[in-house]
N, C-alpha and C. Protein backbone atom coordinates (compact mmCIF):
# COMPACT_ATOMS: atom_id res chain seq x y z
N MET A 1 56.07 243.95 95.42
CA MET A 1 55.60 242.43 95.34
C MET A 1 56.27 241.50 96.24
N GLY A 2 55.54 241.08 97.24
CA GLY A 2 56.37 240.06 98.34
C GLY A 2 55.86 238.55 97.99
N ILE A 3 56.31 237.77 98.28
CA ILE A 3 56.18 236.08 98.73
C ILE A 3 54.92 236.41 98.92
N SER A 4 54.41 237.00 100.09
CA SER A 4 52.75 236.72 100.65
C SER A 4 51.68 236.92 99.54
N HIS A 5 52.26 238.41 98.99
CA HIS A 5 51.08 238.72 97.77
C HIS A 5 51.32 237.49 96.54
N MET A 6 52.16 236.73 96.18
CA MET A 6 52.82 235.69 95.37
C MET A 6 51.62 234.59 95.78
N ILE A 7 51.60 234.31 96.94
CA ILE A 7 51.22 233.16 97.32
C ILE A 7 49.50 233.42 97.28
N TYR A 8 49.01 234.56 97.50
CA TYR A 8 47.37 234.68 97.99
C TYR A 8 47.53 234.99 96.21
N LYS A 9 47.86 235.07 95.47
CA LYS A 9 47.73 235.13 93.86
C LYS A 9 47.21 233.69 93.44
N LEU A 10 48.40 232.83 93.96
CA LEU A 10 48.58 231.39 93.56
C LEU A 10 46.93 230.68 94.27
N LYS A 11 46.98 231.15 95.58
CA LYS A 11 45.60 230.70 96.47
C LYS A 11 44.72 230.79 95.45
N LYS A 12 44.13 232.15 94.64
CA LYS A 12 43.17 232.71 94.36
C LYS A 12 43.05 231.78 92.68
N THR A 13 44.12 231.72 92.07
CA THR A 13 44.27 231.20 90.63
C THR A 13 43.83 229.27 91.11
N TRP A 14 44.38 228.89 92.33
CA TRP A 14 44.42 227.56 92.45
C TRP A 14 42.89 227.10 92.81
N LYS A 15 42.17 227.49 93.47
CA LYS A 15 40.51 227.46 93.77
C LYS A 15 40.09 227.38 92.57
N PRO A 16 39.85 228.06 91.35
CA PRO A 16 39.02 227.62 90.04
C PRO A 16 39.88 226.46 89.25
N LEU A 17 40.83 226.53 89.39
CA LEU A 17 42.01 225.45 88.93
C LEU A 17 41.48 224.31 89.52
N LYS A 18 41.38 223.77 90.94
CA LYS A 18 41.14 222.70 91.29
C LYS A 18 39.47 222.60 90.96
N TYR A 19 38.53 223.10 90.59
CA TYR A 19 37.35 223.06 90.27
C TYR A 19 37.19 222.67 88.84
N LEU A 20 37.89 223.23 88.33
CA LEU A 20 37.69 222.86 86.92
C LEU A 20 38.35 221.59 86.86
N SER A 21 39.31 220.84 87.63
CA SER A 21 40.38 219.39 87.14
C SER A 21 39.16 219.02 87.74
N LYS A 22 38.23 219.10 88.89
CA LYS A 22 37.24 218.27 89.03
C LYS A 22 35.86 217.76 88.08
N ARG A 23 35.40 219.25 87.20
CA ARG A 23 34.54 219.19 86.31
C ARG A 23 35.56 218.02 84.89
N LYS A 24 36.22 218.41 84.74
CA LYS A 24 36.96 218.12 83.55
C LYS A 24 38.53 217.34 83.84
N PRO A 25 38.05 216.26 84.13
CA PRO A 25 39.49 215.49 84.59
C PRO A 25 40.74 215.56 83.12
N GLN A 26 40.31 215.19 82.09
CA GLN A 26 41.05 215.55 81.00
C GLN A 26 41.71 216.82 81.17
N LEU A 27 42.69 217.54 81.45
CA LEU A 27 43.01 218.85 81.40
C LEU A 27 44.54 218.86 80.68
């Protein structure tokens, strides 16, 4: 597991997280 893998995982989880925060501002 390298840093590039961590960044990829972070990007994958950050996208739906951003979408969720847009729908629900109270998080």
